[in-house]
């Protein structure tokens, strides 16, 4: 998608409800990190496809391994931040696999949302075709991302409100 924030809608709507099973921050970051590729292509005017290798399922594997590994290792530093932002557990009890799975699912979701929109994406690389390319679905894909963004924000506000209420009631007792 030309505007990465559209990827935040599905990331929030799917990642937040699953935050007890997968590492939600990793999932959310994985949904947007692939767009560093087109950003750099545009920024540096590179002679490279706008959606190149990073937008392939094959590349999602190392991206998820690297992203999941880095965030897993930094979790002891970032855990309080994630807890305040997404109300994840204060003591992270998520296993390494939940970080890797979150990275992989987030990357795949990104590719699946972009694949119908852009002819230069080769999601099944080394195959040179994009069987998911259907530009007539662009309106539907954008509306879905926007709808999921609204749902994700409502859910986020719900968990924040619930977290505030839980903290307030714990202090009273």
N, C-alpha and C. Protein backbone atom coordinates (compact mmCIF):
# COMPACT_ATOMS: atom_id res chain seq x y z
N UNK A 1 0.84 -1.17 0.00
CA UNK A 1 0.00 0.00 0.00
C UNK A 1 0.89 1.23 0.00
N UNK A 2 0.45 2.26 -0.66
CA UNK A 2 1.31 3.42 -0.74
C UNK A 2 1.47 4.10 0.61
N UNK A 3 0.53 3.90 1.50
CA UNK A 3 0.60 4.52 2.81
C UNK A 3 0.58 3.43 3.86
N UNK A 4 1.72 3.18 4.45
CA UNK A 4 1.88 2.14 5.45
C UNK A 4 0.83 2.19 6.56
N UNK A 5 0.34 3.37 6.98
CA UNK A 5 -0.67 3.36 8.05
C UNK A 5 -1.89 2.49 7.76
N UNK A 6 -2.19 2.24 6.49
CA UNK A 6 -3.29 1.33 6.19
C UNK A 6 -3.02 -0.06 6.76
N UNK A 7 -1.75 -0.44 6.85
CA UNK A 7 -1.41 -1.75 7.40
C UNK A 7 -1.61 -1.82 8.91
N UNK A 8 -1.68 -0.67 9.55
CA UNK A 8 -1.89 -0.67 11.00
C UNK A 8 -3.29 -1.14 11.37
N UNK A 9 -4.27 -0.92 10.49
CA UNK A 9 -5.64 -1.37 10.78
C UNK A 9 -5.72 -2.86 11.01
N UNK A 10 -5.32 -3.67 10.03
CA UNK A 10 -5.32 -5.12 10.26
C UNK A 10 -4.40 -5.54 11.40
N UNK A 11 -3.27 -4.85 11.56
CA UNK A 11 -2.33 -5.20 12.63
C UNK A 11 -2.97 -5.03 14.00
N UNK A 12 -3.67 -3.92 14.21
CA UNK A 12 -4.32 -3.69 15.50
C UNK A 12 -5.51 -4.62 15.70
N UNK A 13 -6.34 -4.74 14.67
CA UNK A 13 -7.57 -5.53 14.81
C UNK A 13 -7.31 -7.01 15.01
N UNK A 14 -6.20 -7.49 14.50
CA UNK A 14 -5.87 -8.91 14.65
C UNK A 14 -4.86 -9.13 15.78
N UNK A 15 -3.84 -8.28 15.84
CA UNK A 15 -2.77 -8.46 16.81
C UNK A 15 -3.18 -8.24 18.25
N UNK A 16 -3.99 -7.21 18.51
CA UNK A 16 -4.36 -6.93 19.90
C UNK A 16 -5.20 -8.04 20.53
N UNK A 17 -6.23 -8.55 19.86
CA UNK A 17 -6.98 -9.64 20.48
C UNK A 17 -6.15 -10.91 20.68
N UNK A 18 -5.12 -11.08 19.89
CA UNK A 18 -4.27 -12.28 19.99
C UNK A 18 -3.04 -12.05 20.86
N UNK A 19 -2.95 -10.92 21.57
CA UNK A 19 -1.74 -10.55 22.29
C UNK A 19 -1.35 -11.51 23.41
N UNK A 20 -2.23 -12.39 23.81
CA UNK A 20 -1.87 -13.40 24.83
C UNK A 20 -1.21 -14.62 24.19
N UNK A 21 -1.34 -14.73 22.87
CA UNK A 21 -0.83 -15.91 22.17
C UNK A 21 0.39 -15.60 21.29
N UNK A 22 0.38 -14.42 20.69
CA UNK A 22 1.53 -13.98 19.89
C UNK A 22 1.97 -12.64 20.46
N UNK A 23 3.20 -12.28 20.21
CA UNK A 23 3.70 -11.01 20.71
C UNK A 23 3.15 -9.89 19.82
N UNK A 24 2.13 -9.20 20.31
CA UNK A 24 1.41 -8.19 19.52
C UNK A 24 2.32 -7.10 18.97
N UNK A 25 3.26 -6.55 19.74
CA UNK A 25 4.12 -5.52 19.17
C UNK A 25 4.94 -6.02 17.97
N UNK A 26 5.42 -7.25 18.05
CA UNK A 26 6.15 -7.83 16.91
C UNK A 26 5.23 -7.96 15.71
N UNK A 27 4.01 -8.41 15.95
CA UNK A 27 3.03 -8.56 14.86
C UNK A 27 2.75 -7.21 14.20
N UNK A 28 2.57 -6.19 15.01
CA UNK A 28 2.26 -4.86 14.48
C UNK A 28 3.45 -4.30 13.70
N UNK A 29 4.64 -4.43 14.24
CA UNK A 29 5.83 -3.94 13.54
C UNK A 29 6.04 -4.71 12.24
N UNK A 30 5.83 -6.02 12.27
CA UNK A 30 5.99 -6.83 11.06
C UNK A 30 5.02 -6.40 9.96
N UNK A 31 3.86 -5.90 10.34
CA UNK A 31 2.88 -5.44 9.36
C UNK A 31 3.31 -4.18 8.63
N UNK A 32 4.24 -3.43 9.20
CA UNK A 32 4.64 -2.17 8.55
C UNK A 32 6.09 -2.16 8.09
N UNK A 33 6.93 -3.02 8.66
CA UNK A 33 8.37 -2.93 8.38
C UNK A 33 8.72 -3.24 6.92
N UNK A 34 7.91 -4.05 6.26
CA UNK A 34 8.22 -4.38 4.86
C UNK A 34 8.17 -3.15 3.96
N UNK A 35 7.44 -2.13 4.38
CA UNK A 35 7.36 -0.93 3.55
C UNK A 35 8.58 -0.03 3.67
N UNK A 36 9.60 -0.48 4.41
CA UNK A 36 10.88 0.22 4.35
C UNK A 36 11.49 0.07 2.96
N UNK A 37 11.21 -1.06 2.33
CA UNK A 37 11.73 -1.30 0.99
C UNK A 37 11.25 -0.24 -0.01
N UNK A 38 9.94 -0.05 -0.20
CA UNK A 38 9.52 1.00 -1.14
C UNK A 38 9.92 2.40 -0.67
N UNK A 39 9.99 2.61 0.64
CA UNK A 39 10.42 3.91 1.16
C UNK A 39 11.84 4.22 0.69
N UNK A 40 12.74 3.24 0.82
CA UNK A 40 14.13 3.48 0.40
C UNK A 40 14.24 3.58 -1.13
N UNK A 41 13.43 2.82 -1.84
CA UNK A 41 13.44 2.92 -3.30
C UNK A 41 13.06 4.33 -3.73
N UNK A 42 12.02 4.88 -3.11
CA UNK A 42 11.59 6.24 -3.44
C UNK A 42 12.58 7.29 -2.94
N UNK A 43 13.05 7.12 -1.71
CA UNK A 43 13.95 8.10 -1.09
C UNK A 43 15.25 8.25 -1.86
N UNK A 44 15.83 7.12 -2.26
CA UNK A 44 17.13 7.15 -2.93
C UNK A 44 17.02 6.99 -4.45
N UNK A 45 15.78 7.02 -4.96
CA UNK A 45 15.54 6.91 -6.40
C UNK A 45 16.30 5.71 -6.99
N UNK A 46 16.13 4.56 -6.35
CA UNK A 46 16.85 3.35 -6.75
C UNK A 46 16.26 2.73 -8.00
N UNK A 47 17.11 2.12 -8.78
CA UNK A 47 16.67 1.37 -9.96
C UNK A 47 16.34 -0.05 -9.49
N UNK A 48 15.20 -0.16 -8.85
CA UNK A 48 14.79 -1.39 -8.17
C UNK A 48 13.27 -1.36 -8.10
N UNK A 49 12.62 -2.50 -8.20
CA UNK A 49 11.15 -2.47 -8.11
C UNK A 49 10.67 -1.88 -6.79
N UNK A 50 9.60 -1.15 -6.83
CA UNK A 50 9.05 -0.54 -5.62
C UNK A 50 8.75 -1.61 -4.57
N UNK A 51 8.21 -2.72 -5.03
CA UNK A 51 7.93 -3.86 -4.15
C UNK A 51 8.78 -5.03 -4.64
N UNK A 52 9.97 -5.12 -4.12
CA UNK A 52 10.91 -6.14 -4.56
C UNK A 52 10.89 -7.37 -3.68
N UNK A 53 12.09 -7.84 -3.33
CA UNK A 53 12.23 -9.10 -2.61
C UNK A 53 11.59 -9.09 -1.23
N UNK A 54 11.55 -7.95 -0.56
CA UNK A 54 10.97 -7.91 0.79
C UNK A 54 9.48 -8.26 0.77
N UNK A 55 8.84 -8.07 -0.36
CA UNK A 55 7.41 -8.35 -0.47
C UNK A 55 7.17 -9.75 -1.05
N UNK A 56 7.99 -10.70 -0.62
CA UNK A 56 7.81 -12.10 -1.03
C UNK A 56 7.64 -12.96 0.22
N UNK A 57 6.94 -14.05 0.07
CA UNK A 57 6.77 -14.97 1.20
C UNK A 57 8.12 -15.54 1.61
N UNK A 58 8.99 -15.76 0.63
CA UNK A 58 10.33 -16.26 0.92
C UNK A 58 11.10 -15.29 1.83
N UNK A 59 10.97 -14.00 1.59
CA UNK A 59 11.66 -13.01 2.43
C UNK A 59 11.00 -12.86 3.79
N UNK A 60 9.73 -13.21 3.88
CA UNK A 60 9.03 -13.11 5.17
C UNK A 60 9.68 -14.02 6.22
N UNK A 61 10.30 -15.08 5.77
CA UNK A 61 10.93 -16.02 6.72
C UNK A 61 12.12 -15.37 7.43
N UNK A 62 13.12 -14.85 6.70
CA UNK A 62 14.22 -14.21 7.43
C UNK A 62 13.80 -12.93 8.15
N UNK A 63 12.86 -12.18 7.57
CA UNK A 63 12.38 -10.97 8.24
C UNK A 63 11.78 -11.34 9.59
N UNK A 64 10.94 -12.38 9.61
CA UNK A 64 10.30 -12.78 10.87
C UNK A 64 11.32 -13.35 11.85
N UNK A 65 12.30 -14.07 11.36
CA UNK A 65 13.34 -14.60 12.25
C UNK A 65 14.17 -13.48 12.86
N UNK A 66 14.56 -12.51 12.05
CA UNK A 66 15.38 -11.41 12.54
C UNK A 66 14.56 -10.51 13.47
N UNK A 67 13.39 -10.09 13.01
CA UNK A 67 12.55 -9.20 13.82
C UNK A 67 12.15 -9.87 15.13
N UNK A 68 11.68 -11.11 15.05
CA UNK A 68 11.29 -11.84 16.25
C UNK A 68 12.44 -12.03 17.22
N UNK A 69 13.61 -12.37 16.69
CA UNK A 69 14.79 -12.58 17.54
C UNK A 69 15.23 -11.29 18.23
N UNK A 70 15.27 -10.21 17.47
CA UNK A 70 15.69 -8.92 18.03
C UNK A 70 14.72 -8.47 19.12
N UNK A 71 13.42 -8.52 18.83
CA UNK A 71 12.44 -8.07 19.82
C UNK A 71 12.37 -9.01 21.03
N UNK A 72 12.62 -10.29 20.81
CA UNK A 72 12.66 -11.23 21.93
C UNK A 72 13.83 -10.88 22.86
N UNK A 73 14.98 -10.61 22.26
CA UNK A 73 16.16 -10.28 23.06
C UNK A 73 16.03 -8.91 23.75
N UNK A 74 15.28 -8.00 23.14
CA UNK A 74 15.08 -6.68 23.73
C UNK A 74 13.86 -6.60 24.64
N UNK A 75 13.17 -7.71 24.78
CA UNK A 75 11.92 -7.68 25.55
C UNK A 75 12.13 -7.25 26.99
N UNK A 76 13.26 -7.61 27.58
CA UNK A 76 13.49 -7.22 28.98
C UNK A 76 13.62 -5.70 29.11
N UNK A 77 14.01 -5.03 28.03
CA UNK A 77 14.11 -3.57 28.03
C UNK A 77 12.76 -2.94 27.65
N UNK A 78 12.13 -3.51 26.64
CA UNK A 78 10.92 -2.91 26.06
C UNK A 78 9.62 -3.35 26.74
N UNK A 79 9.68 -4.34 27.61
CA UNK A 79 8.46 -4.91 28.17
C UNK A 79 7.58 -3.89 28.86
N UNK A 80 8.15 -3.00 29.65
CA UNK A 80 7.33 -1.99 30.33
C UNK A 80 6.68 -1.04 29.33
N UNK A 81 7.42 -0.70 28.28
CA UNK A 81 6.86 0.15 27.22
C UNK A 81 5.69 -0.55 26.54
N UNK A 82 5.88 -1.83 26.16
CA UNK A 82 4.80 -2.59 25.51
C UNK A 82 3.60 -2.70 26.45
N UNK A 83 3.88 -2.92 27.74
CA UNK A 83 2.79 -3.05 28.71
C UNK A 83 1.97 -1.76 28.77
N UNK A 84 2.63 -0.62 28.83
CA UNK A 84 1.92 0.66 28.90
C UNK A 84 1.17 0.96 27.60
N UNK A 85 1.76 0.60 26.48
CA UNK A 85 1.15 0.92 25.19
C UNK A 85 0.04 -0.04 24.81
N UNK A 86 0.26 -1.34 25.01
CA UNK A 86 -0.69 -2.36 24.54
C UNK A 86 -1.29 -3.21 25.65
N UNK A 87 -0.98 -2.88 26.90
CA UNK A 87 -1.45 -3.65 28.05
C UNK A 87 -1.09 -5.13 27.93
N UNK A 88 0.12 -5.38 27.48
CA UNK A 88 0.64 -6.75 27.47
C UNK A 88 1.00 -7.09 28.91
N UNK A 89 1.20 -8.36 29.23
CA UNK A 89 1.54 -8.71 30.62
C UNK A 89 2.81 -8.00 31.08
N UNK A 90 2.84 -7.59 32.36
CA UNK A 90 4.01 -6.89 32.91
C UNK A 90 5.22 -7.80 32.85
N UNK A 91 5.06 -9.02 33.29
CA UNK A 91 6.13 -10.02 33.17
C UNK A 91 5.85 -10.81 31.90
N UNK A 92 6.70 -10.60 30.91
CA UNK A 92 6.48 -11.28 29.64
C UNK A 92 6.71 -12.78 29.83
N UNK A 93 5.67 -13.54 29.57
CA UNK A 93 5.80 -14.99 29.67
C UNK A 93 5.73 -15.64 28.29
N UNK A 94 5.83 -14.80 27.26
CA UNK A 94 5.75 -15.35 25.91
C UNK A 94 7.07 -15.96 25.50
N UNK A 95 6.94 -17.06 24.82
CA UNK A 95 8.11 -17.81 24.39
C UNK A 95 8.67 -17.22 23.10
N UNK A 96 9.88 -17.60 22.81
CA UNK A 96 10.57 -17.16 21.59
C UNK A 96 9.70 -17.42 20.36
N UNK A 97 9.04 -18.56 20.34
CA UNK A 97 8.22 -18.94 19.19
C UNK A 97 7.09 -17.95 18.93
N UNK A 98 6.54 -17.35 20.00
CA UNK A 98 5.44 -16.40 19.80
C UNK A 98 5.92 -15.12 19.12
N UNK A 99 7.18 -14.78 19.32
CA UNK A 99 7.77 -13.62 18.64
C UNK A 99 7.99 -13.93 17.16
N UNK A 100 8.52 -15.12 16.89
CA UNK A 100 8.79 -15.53 15.50
C UNK A 100 7.47 -15.67 14.74
N UNK A 101 6.50 -16.33 15.36
CA UNK A 101 5.19 -16.50 14.72
C UNK A 101 4.54 -15.16 14.45
N UNK A 102 4.62 -14.25 15.39
CA UNK A 102 4.04 -12.91 15.20
C UNK A 102 4.70 -12.20 14.03
N UNK A 103 6.02 -12.29 13.95
CA UNK A 103 6.73 -11.68 12.83
C UNK A 103 6.35 -12.28 11.50
N UNK A 104 6.24 -13.60 11.47
CA UNK A 104 5.88 -14.28 10.22
C UNK A 104 4.45 -13.94 9.79
N UNK A 105 3.51 -14.05 10.72
CA UNK A 105 2.11 -13.76 10.38
C UNK A 105 1.92 -12.29 9.98
N UNK A 106 2.61 -11.39 10.66
CA UNK A 106 2.51 -9.98 10.29
C UNK A 106 3.07 -9.71 8.90
N UNK A 107 4.20 -10.31 8.59
CA UNK A 107 4.80 -10.14 7.26
C UNK A 107 3.91 -10.72 6.17
N UNK A 108 3.38 -11.91 6.41
CA UNK A 108 2.50 -12.55 5.43
C UNK A 108 1.24 -11.72 5.22
N UNK A 109 0.67 -11.23 6.30
CA UNK A 109 -0.53 -10.40 6.18
C UNK A 109 -0.25 -9.16 5.34
N UNK A 110 0.90 -8.54 5.56
CA UNK A 110 1.28 -7.37 4.77
C UNK A 110 1.33 -7.72 3.28
N UNK A 111 1.99 -8.82 2.97
CA UNK A 111 2.13 -9.24 1.58
C UNK A 111 0.76 -9.54 0.97
N UNK A 112 -0.10 -10.22 1.72
CA UNK A 112 -1.42 -10.57 1.20
C UNK A 112 -2.30 -9.34 0.96
N UNK A 113 -2.13 -8.30 1.75
CA UNK A 113 -2.89 -7.07 1.51
C UNK A 113 -2.33 -6.28 0.33
N UNK A 114 -1.02 -6.36 0.10
CA UNK A 114 -0.41 -5.63 -1.01
C UNK A 114 -0.52 -6.37 -2.35
N UNK A 115 -0.48 -7.68 -2.32
CA UNK A 115 -0.41 -8.46 -3.56
C UNK A 115 -1.54 -8.18 -4.56
N UNK A 116 -2.78 -8.00 -4.12
CA UNK A 116 -3.82 -7.71 -5.13
C UNK A 116 -3.68 -6.33 -5.77
N UNK A 117 -2.91 -5.45 -5.15
CA UNK A 117 -2.88 -4.05 -5.58
C UNK A 117 -1.76 -3.70 -6.55
N UNK A 118 -0.66 -4.44 -6.52
CA UNK A 118 0.53 -4.04 -7.26
C UNK A 118 1.03 -5.14 -8.18
N UNK A 119 1.25 -4.76 -9.41
CA UNK A 119 1.70 -5.75 -10.41
C UNK A 119 3.17 -6.13 -10.22
N UNK A 120 3.94 -5.29 -9.52
CA UNK A 120 5.37 -5.58 -9.37
C UNK A 120 5.67 -6.53 -8.20
N UNK A 121 4.67 -6.90 -7.43
CA UNK A 121 4.89 -7.83 -6.32
C UNK A 121 4.95 -9.25 -6.85
N UNK A 122 5.92 -9.99 -6.38
CA UNK A 122 6.08 -11.41 -6.72
C UNK A 122 6.02 -12.20 -5.42
N UNK A 123 4.83 -12.38 -4.85
CA UNK A 123 4.73 -13.00 -3.53
C UNK A 123 5.26 -14.42 -3.46
N UNK A 124 5.21 -15.12 -4.58
CA UNK A 124 5.63 -16.53 -4.61
C UNK A 124 7.01 -16.70 -5.23
N UNK A 125 7.83 -15.65 -5.14
CA UNK A 125 9.18 -15.71 -5.67
C UNK A 125 9.85 -17.00 -5.21
N UNK A 126 10.51 -17.73 -6.10
CA UNK A 126 11.09 -17.35 -7.38
C UNK A 126 10.14 -17.39 -8.57
N UNK A 127 8.88 -17.74 -8.37
CA UNK A 127 7.94 -17.62 -9.48
C UNK A 127 7.78 -16.14 -9.81
N UNK A 128 7.66 -15.84 -11.08
CA UNK A 128 7.62 -14.43 -11.50
C UNK A 128 6.21 -13.91 -11.69
N UNK A 129 5.23 -14.67 -11.27
CA UNK A 129 3.84 -14.23 -11.42
C UNK A 129 3.28 -13.80 -10.06
N UNK A 130 2.23 -13.02 -10.14
CA UNK A 130 1.50 -12.65 -8.94
C UNK A 130 0.06 -13.11 -9.13
N UNK A 131 -0.25 -14.31 -8.67
CA UNK A 131 -1.61 -14.84 -8.89
C UNK A 131 -2.67 -14.08 -8.08
N UNK A 132 -2.24 -13.26 -7.14
CA UNK A 132 -3.18 -12.51 -6.30
C UNK A 132 -3.50 -11.13 -6.87
N UNK A 133 -2.82 -10.74 -7.95
CA UNK A 133 -2.98 -9.39 -8.50
C UNK A 133 -4.37 -9.21 -9.11
N UNK A 134 -5.13 -8.34 -8.48
CA UNK A 134 -6.48 -7.99 -8.95
C UNK A 134 -6.72 -6.53 -8.60
N UNK A 135 -6.26 -5.61 -9.43
CA UNK A 135 -6.37 -4.19 -9.08
C UNK A 135 -7.81 -3.72 -8.91
N UNK A 136 -8.75 -4.47 -9.46
CA UNK A 136 -10.16 -4.11 -9.28
C UNK A 136 -10.60 -4.28 -7.82
N UNK A 137 -9.79 -4.94 -7.01
CA UNK A 137 -10.10 -5.12 -5.58
C UNK A 137 -9.55 -4.00 -4.71
N UNK A 138 -8.87 -3.03 -5.31
CA UNK A 138 -8.19 -1.98 -4.53
C UNK A 138 -9.17 -1.29 -3.58
N UNK A 139 -10.32 -0.89 -4.07
CA UNK A 139 -11.31 -0.21 -3.24
C UNK A 139 -11.70 -1.08 -2.05
N UNK A 140 -11.92 -2.37 -2.30
CA UNK A 140 -12.29 -3.30 -1.23
C UNK A 140 -11.16 -3.49 -0.22
N UNK A 141 -9.93 -3.60 -0.71
CA UNK A 141 -8.79 -3.79 0.19
C UNK A 141 -8.61 -2.57 1.09
N UNK A 142 -8.68 -1.38 0.51
CA UNK A 142 -8.54 -0.16 1.31
C UNK A 142 -9.68 -0.02 2.31
N UNK A 143 -10.89 -0.33 1.89
CA UNK A 143 -12.03 -0.26 2.81
C UNK A 143 -11.90 -1.28 3.94
N UNK A 144 -11.42 -2.47 3.61
CA UNK A 144 -11.21 -3.49 4.63
C UNK A 144 -10.16 -3.01 5.65
N UNK A 145 -9.05 -2.47 5.15
CA UNK A 145 -8.00 -1.97 6.05
C UNK A 145 -8.52 -0.83 6.92
N UNK A 146 -9.30 0.05 6.32
CA UNK A 146 -9.87 1.16 7.09
C UNK A 146 -10.86 0.66 8.13
N UNK A 147 -11.70 -0.28 7.75
CA UNK A 147 -12.67 -0.86 8.69
C UNK A 147 -11.96 -1.59 9.82
N UNK A 148 -10.94 -2.35 9.48
CA UNK A 148 -10.17 -3.05 10.51
C UNK A 148 -9.44 -2.05 11.41
N UNK A 149 -9.03 -0.92 10.83
CA UNK A 149 -8.40 0.13 11.63
C UNK A 149 -9.37 0.70 12.66
N UNK A 150 -10.60 0.91 12.26
CA UNK A 150 -11.62 1.41 13.18
C UNK A 150 -11.89 0.38 14.27
N UNK A 151 -12.05 -0.88 13.86
CA UNK A 151 -12.27 -1.96 14.83
C UNK A 151 -11.08 -2.06 15.78
N UNK A 152 -9.86 -2.00 15.23
CA UNK A 152 -8.65 -2.08 16.04
C UNK A 152 -8.55 -0.94 17.04
N UNK A 153 -8.91 0.26 16.62
CA UNK A 153 -8.85 1.41 17.53
C UNK A 153 -9.91 1.30 18.62
N UNK A 154 -11.10 0.84 18.25
CA UNK A 154 -12.15 0.64 19.27
C UNK A 154 -11.70 -0.41 20.28
N UNK A 155 -11.12 -1.50 19.77
CA UNK A 155 -10.63 -2.54 20.68
C UNK A 155 -9.51 -2.00 21.56
N UNK A 156 -8.61 -1.22 20.97
CA UNK A 156 -7.51 -0.62 21.73
C UNK A 156 -8.06 0.27 22.85
N UNK A 157 -9.02 1.12 22.53
CA UNK A 157 -9.62 1.98 23.55
C UNK A 157 -10.30 1.15 24.64
N UNK A 158 -10.91 0.05 24.23
CA UNK A 158 -11.56 -0.85 25.20
C UNK A 158 -10.53 -1.44 26.17
N UNK A 159 -9.40 -1.93 25.65
CA UNK A 159 -8.43 -2.55 26.55
C UNK A 159 -7.75 -1.49 27.42
N UNK A 160 -7.58 -0.28 26.89
CA UNK A 160 -7.01 0.79 27.71
C UNK A 160 -7.98 1.14 28.83
N UNK A 161 -9.25 1.29 28.50
CA UNK A 161 -10.27 1.61 29.51
C UNK A 161 -10.33 0.50 30.56
N UNK A 162 -10.33 -0.73 30.10
CA UNK A 162 -10.37 -1.87 31.02
C UNK A 162 -9.13 -1.90 31.91
N UNK A 163 -7.97 -1.58 31.33
CA UNK A 163 -6.74 -1.55 32.11
C UNK A 163 -6.75 -0.46 33.15
N UNK A 164 -7.28 0.70 32.80
CA UNK A 164 -7.38 1.81 33.76
C UNK A 164 -8.33 1.43 34.88
N UNK A 165 -9.46 0.84 34.52
CA UNK A 165 -10.43 0.41 35.54
C UNK A 165 -9.83 -0.64 36.46
N UNK A 166 -9.09 -1.59 35.90
CA UNK A 166 -8.46 -2.64 36.72
C UNK A 166 -7.42 -2.04 37.66
N UNK A 167 -6.62 -1.11 37.17
CA UNK A 167 -5.61 -0.46 38.03
C UNK A 167 -6.29 0.36 39.11
N UNK A 168 -7.36 1.04 38.78
CA UNK A 168 -8.09 1.86 39.76
C UNK A 168 -8.72 0.99 40.83
N UNK A 169 -9.36 -0.10 40.41
CA UNK A 169 -10.02 -0.97 41.39
C UNK A 169 -9.01 -1.70 42.27
N UNK A 170 -7.82 -2.00 41.75
CA UNK A 170 -6.78 -2.65 42.55
C UNK A 170 -6.23 -1.70 43.61
N UNK A 171 -6.17 -0.41 43.28
CA UNK A 171 -5.65 0.57 44.24
C UNK A 171 -6.64 0.84 45.35
N UNK A 172 -7.94 0.70 45.06
CA UNK A 172 -8.97 0.96 46.07
C UNK A 172 -9.01 -0.18 47.07
N UNK A 173 -8.85 -1.40 46.59
CA UNK A 173 -8.99 -2.58 47.45
C UNK A 173 -7.87 -2.70 48.44
